[in-house]
Amino acid sequence: MNACQPPPFPKRKKKFPKSIASVDPVEVTRARTWAAGRLSCTGRIDDVQLVVGELLANALQHAPRPRAAGAPVALLGLVETPPCVEVRVWSRRPELVEMAARCPDGEAESGRGLLLVEAVADAWGWNAVGSWMVVWARFGVGGGRR
């Protein structure tokens, strides 16, 4: 078993939650920068930033808008459990759907985000927690891509 494949919710060493209250695409850029500034490892920062962007863009596109002003649309967390880093993006879902990396139609302008996540992360998946869905991706920080 890969050292970077613990149970879905490993004991936390560091957790950095960030609340995303706007669906403005600039939030994705801010989140990538936020994530890079909080990682103590340096070997996979580009991969982590890519995945933060893809997972957060999915959450902002598909999650329902909050009813209360200022309520989060999504939550972003980083968990460092050496030798791994885990990205988690939480979003509300009225109904849960099976998530899988699928090849879109060749003419489609979107639909490739989870394929990118699958390509650069060592593991990824999703869990339902109440009315929230959390999509996670893990990275071993000792080396490059698998």
C-alpha atoms as a PDB file:
ATOM      1  CA  MET A   1       0.000   0.000   0.000  1.00  0.00           C
ATOM      2  CA  ASN A   2       1.241   3.472  -0.889  1.00  0.00           C
ATOM      3  CA  ALA A   3       2.307   5.459   2.201  1.00  0.00           C
ATOM      4  CA  CYS A   4       0.024   8.231   1.001  1.00  0.00           C
ATOM      5  CA  GLN A   5      -3.190   6.217   1.128  1.00  0.00           C
ATOM      6  CA  PRO A   6      -4.388   6.305   4.751  1.00  0.00           C
ATOM      7  CA  PRO A   7      -8.103   6.035   5.566  1.00  0.00           C
ATOM      8  CA  PRO A   8     -10.177   8.874   4.071  1.00  0.00           C
ATOM      9  CA  PHE A   9      -9.948  11.088   7.158  1.00  0.00           C
ATOM     10  CA  PRO A  10      -6.513  10.641   8.766  1.00  0.00           C
ATOM     11  CA  LYS A  11      -5.695  12.124  12.141  1.00  0.00           C
ATOM     12  CA  ARG A  12      -4.920  15.755  11.486  1.00  0.00           C
ATOM     13  CA  LYS A  13      -1.592  17.375  12.096  1.00  0.00           C
ATOM     14  CA  LYS A  14      -2.412  20.748  10.532  1.00  0.00           C
ATOM     15  CA  LYS A  15      -5.724  21.940   9.178  1.00  0.00           C
ATOM     16  CA  PHE A  16      -6.245  25.275   7.473  1.00  0.00           C
ATOM     17  CA  PRO A  17      -9.897  25.966   6.641  1.00  0.00           C
ATOM     18  CA  LYS A  18     -10.852  28.725   4.208  1.00  0.00           C
ATOM     19  CA  SER A  19     -14.443  29.784   3.632  1.00  0.00           C
ATOM     20  CA  ILE A  20     -15.459  30.744   0.082  1.00  0.00           C
ATOM     21  CA  ALA A  21     -18.562  32.948   0.173  1.00  0.00           C
ATOM     22  CA  SER A  22     -18.603  34.143  -3.440  1.00  0.00           C
ATOM     23  CA  VAL A  23     -18.947  32.368  -6.773  1.00  0.00           C
ATOM     24  CA  ASP A  24     -16.672  34.950  -8.384  1.00  0.00           C
ATOM     25  CA  PRO A  25     -13.977  33.094 -10.400  1.00  0.00           C
ATOM     26  CA  VAL A  26     -11.301  35.264  -8.752  1.00  0.00           C
ATOM     27  CA  GLU A  27     -11.921  33.177  -5.616  1.00  0.00           C
ATOM     28  CA  VAL A  28     -10.224  30.238  -7.354  1.00  0.00           C
ATOM     29  CA  THR A  29      -7.078  32.295  -7.922  1.00  0.00           C
ATOM     30  CA  ARG A  30      -7.106  33.502  -4.322  1.00  0.00           C
ATOM     31  CA  ALA A  31      -7.541  29.946  -3.066  1.00  0.00           C
ATOM     32  CA  ARG A  32      -4.560  28.682  -5.082  1.00  0.00           C
ATOM     33  CA  THR A  33      -2.378  31.422  -3.617  1.00  0.00           C
ATOM     34  CA  TRP A  34      -3.751  30.764  -0.114  1.00  0.00           C
ATOM     35  CA  ALA A  35      -2.949  27.046  -0.410  1.00  0.00           C
ATOM     36  CA  ALA A  36       0.618  27.591  -1.625  1.00  0.00           C
ATOM     37  CA  GLY A  37       1.316  29.933   1.280  1.00  0.00           C
ATOM     38  CA  ARG A  38       0.263  27.361   3.868  1.00  0.00           C
ATOM     39  CA  LEU A  39       2.205  24.324   2.749  1.00  0.00           C
ATOM     40  CA  SER A  40       5.433  23.450   4.504  1.00  0.00           C
ATOM     41  CA  CYS A  41       6.437  21.071   1.700  1.00  0.00           C
ATOM     42  CA  THR A  42       7.726  22.376  -1.595  1.00  0.00           C
ATOM     43  CA  GLY A  43       7.842  19.345  -3.895  1.00  0.00           C
ATOM     44  CA  ARG A  44       4.187  19.289  -4.985  1.00  0.00           C
ATOM     45  CA  ILE A  45       2.965  22.866  -4.633  1.00  0.00           C
ATOM     46  CA  ASP A  46       2.156  23.197  -8.364  1.00  0.00           C
ATOM     47  CA  ASP A  47       0.126  19.966  -8.277  1.00  0.00           C
ATOM     48  CA  VAL A  48      -1.695  21.039  -5.103  1.00  0.00           C
ATOM     49  CA  GLN A  49      -2.515  24.437  -6.612  1.00  0.00           C
ATOM     50  CA  LEU A  50      -3.861  22.808  -9.788  1.00  0.00           C
ATOM     51  CA  VAL A  51      -6.117  20.486  -7.792  1.00  0.00           C
ATOM     52  CA  VAL A  52      -7.309  23.261  -5.469  1.00  0.00           C
ATOM     53  CA  GLY A  53      -8.343  25.206  -8.559  1.00  0.00           C
ATOM     54  CA  GLU A  54     -10.122  22.310 -10.258  1.00  0.00           C
ATOM     55  CA  LEU A  55     -11.999  21.081  -7.175  1.00  0.00           C
ATOM     56  CA  LEU A  56     -13.000  24.567  -6.099  1.00  0.00           C
ATOM     57  CA  ALA A  57     -14.140  25.513  -9.611  1.00  0.00           C
ATOM     58  CA  ASN A  58     -16.354  22.385  -9.636  1.00  0.00           C
ATOM     59  CA  ALA A  59     -17.812  23.285  -6.242  1.00  0.00           C
ATOM     60  CA  LEU A  60     -18.537  26.873  -7.270  1.00  0.00           C
ATOM     61  CA  GLN A  61     -20.132  25.739 -10.534  1.00  0.00           C
ATOM     62  CA  HIS A  62     -22.338  22.962  -9.159  1.00  0.00           C
ATOM     63  CA  ALA A  63     -23.163  23.797  -5.538  1.00  0.00           C
ATOM     64  CA  PRO A  64     -26.425  25.603  -4.784  1.00  0.00           C
ATOM     65  CA  ARG A  65     -26.132  29.225  -3.722  1.00  0.00           C
ATOM     66  CA  PRO A  66     -26.461  29.829   0.034  1.00  0.00           C
ATOM     67  CA  ARG A  67     -29.675  31.402   1.260  1.00  0.00           C
ATOM     68  CA  ALA A  68     -28.035  33.664   3.836  1.00  0.00           C
ATOM     69  CA  ALA A  69     -25.784  36.519   2.767  1.00  0.00           C
ATOM     70  CA  GLY A  70     -22.155  35.746   3.526  1.00  0.00           C
ATOM     71  CA  ALA A  71     -22.802  32.027   4.071  1.00  0.00           C
ATOM     72  CA  PRO A  72     -20.136  29.827   2.491  1.00  0.00           C
ATOM     73  CA  VAL A  73     -20.612  28.373  -0.965  1.00  0.00           C
ATOM     74  CA  ALA A  74     -17.641  26.090  -0.328  1.00  0.00           C
ATOM     75  CA  LEU A  75     -14.964  25.361   2.254  1.00  0.00           C
ATOM     76  CA  LEU A  76     -11.351  24.603   1.427  1.00  0.00           C
ATOM     77  CA  GLY A  77      -9.017  22.748   3.756  1.00  0.00           C
ATOM     78  CA  LEU A  78      -5.453  21.482   3.682  1.00  0.00           C
ATOM     79  CA  VAL A  79      -4.332  18.703   5.977  1.00  0.00           C
ATOM     80  CA  GLU A  80      -0.636  17.919   6.327  1.00  0.00           C
ATOM     81  CA  THR A  81       0.031  14.458   7.693  1.00  0.00           C
ATOM     82  CA  PRO A  82       3.638  13.799   6.667  1.00  0.00           C
ATOM     83  CA  PRO A  83       4.517  12.422   4.242  1.00  0.00           C
ATOM     84  CA  CYS A  84       1.176  13.466   2.742  1.00  0.00           C
ATOM     85  CA  VAL A  85      -0.850  16.583   2.053  1.00  0.00           C
ATOM     86  CA  GLU A  86      -4.587  16.339   1.531  1.00  0.00           C
ATOM     87  CA  VAL A  87      -6.763  18.942  -0.178  1.00  0.00           C
ATOM     88  CA  ARG A  88     -10.434  18.946   0.814  1.00  0.00           C
ATOM     89  CA  VAL A  89     -13.185  20.981  -0.804  1.00  0.00           C
ATOM     90  CA  TRP A  90     -16.567  20.942   0.909  1.00  0.00           C
ATOM     91  CA  SER A  91     -19.786  22.044  -0.811  1.00  0.00           C
ATOM     92  CA  ARG A  92     -23.480  21.626  -0.144  1.00  0.00           C
ATOM     93  CA  ARG A  93     -25.316  19.260  -2.441  1.00  0.00           C
ATOM     94  CA  PRO A  94     -29.113  18.928  -2.503  1.00  0.00           C
ATOM     95  CA  GLU A  95     -28.559  15.379  -3.709  1.00  0.00           C
ATOM     96  CA  LEU A  96     -25.351  13.447  -3.953  1.00  0.00           C
ATOM     97  CA  VAL A  97     -24.153  12.276  -7.318  1.00  0.00           C
ATOM     98  CA  GLU A  98     -21.539   9.677  -8.128  1.00  0.00           C
ATOM     99  CA  MET A  99     -18.324  11.446  -9.049  1.00  0.00           C
ATOM    100  CA  ALA A 100     -15.930   9.903 -11.503  1.00  0.00           C
ATOM    101  CA  ALA A 101     -13.249  11.115 -13.865  1.00  0.00           C
ATOM    102  CA  ARG A 102     -14.789  10.627 -17.289  1.00  0.00           C
ATOM    103  CA  CYS A 103     -13.634  11.559 -20.758  1.00  0.00           C
ATOM    104  CA  PRO A 104     -15.958  14.258 -22.112  1.00  0.00           C
ATOM    105  CA  ASP A 105     -17.040  14.536 -25.715  1.00  0.00           C
ATOM    106  CA  GLY A 106     -14.098  15.777 -27.778  1.00  0.00           C
ATOM    107  CA  GLU A 107     -15.968  18.998 -28.601  1.00  0.00           C
ATOM    108  CA  ALA A 108     -16.951  19.749 -24.994  1.00  0.00           C
ATOM    109  CA  GLU A 109     -15.495  22.931 -23.505  1.00  0.00           C
ATOM    110  CA  SER A 110     -15.493  21.594 -19.940  1.00  0.00           C
ATOM    111  CA  GLY A 111     -15.588  18.318 -18.036  1.00  0.00           C
ATOM    112  CA  ARG A 112     -11.893  17.515 -17.783  1.00  0.00           C
ATOM    113  CA  GLY A 113     -11.204  18.747 -14.237  1.00  0.00           C
ATOM    114  CA  LEU A 114     -11.444  15.398 -12.469  1.00  0.00           C
ATOM    115  CA  LEU A 115      -9.250  13.837 -15.160  1.00  0.00           C
ATOM    116  CA  LEU A 116      -6.577  16.390 -14.225  1.00  0.00           C
ATOM    117  CA  VAL A 117      -7.074  15.659 -10.526  1.00  0.00           C
ATOM    118  CA  GLU A 118      -6.726  11.940 -11.186  1.00  0.00           C
ATOM    119  CA  ALA A 119      -3.582  12.530 -13.239  1.00  0.00           C
ATOM    120  CA  VAL A 120      -1.663  14.571 -10.658  1.00  0.00           C
ATOM    121  CA  ALA A 121      -2.938  13.368  -7.258  1.00  0.00           C
ATOM    122  CA  ASP A 122      -1.769  10.106  -5.699  1.00  0.00           C
ATOM    123  CA  ALA A 123      -5.349   9.359  -4.635  1.00  0.00           C
ATOM    124  CA  TRP A 124      -8.693  11.166  -4.740  1.00  0.00           C
ATOM    125  CA  GLY A 125     -12.312  10.527  -3.871  1.00  0.00           C
ATOM    126  CA  TRP A 126     -15.378  11.962  -2.207  1.00  0.00           C
ATOM    127  CA  ASN A 127     -17.504  11.436   0.880  1.00  0.00           C
ATOM    128  CA  ALA A 128     -20.949  12.603   1.962  1.00  0.00           C
ATOM    129  CA  VAL A 129     -21.132  14.280   5.366  1.00  0.00           C
ATOM    130  CA  GLY A 130     -24.714  15.291   6.138  1.00  0.00           C
ATOM    131  CA  SER A 131     -25.858  17.727   3.462  1.00  0.00           C
ATOM    132  CA  TRP A 132     -22.246  18.414   2.468  1.00  0.00           C
ATOM    133  CA  MET A 133     -20.035  16.656  -0.040  1.00  0.00           C
ATOM    134  CA  VAL A 134     -16.291  16.657   0.493  1.00  0.00           C
ATOM    135  CA  VAL A 135     -14.002  15.932  -2.448  1.00  0.00           C
ATOM    136  CA  TRP A 136     -10.423  15.177  -1.436  1.00  0.00           C
ATOM    137  CA  ALA A 137      -7.093  14.584  -3.118  1.00  0.00           C
ATOM    138  CA  ARG A 138      -3.861  13.311  -1.533  1.00  0.00           C
ATOM    139  CA  PHE A 139      -0.278  13.976  -2.471  1.00  0.00           C
ATOM    140  CA  GLY A 140       2.902  12.338  -1.271  1.00  0.00           C
ATOM    141  CA  VAL A 141       5.362  15.156  -0.682  1.00  0.00           C
ATOM    142  CA  GLY A 142       8.581  13.187  -0.909  1.00  0.00           C
ATOM    143  CA  GLY A 143       8.819  13.083  -4.681  1.00  0.00           C
ATOM    144  CA  GLY A 144       7.154  14.051  -7.905  1.00  0.00           C
ATOM    145  CA  ARG A 145       4.089  12.690  -9.558  1.00  0.00           C
ATOM    146  CA  ARG A 146       3.435   8.984  -9.339  1.00  0.00           C
END
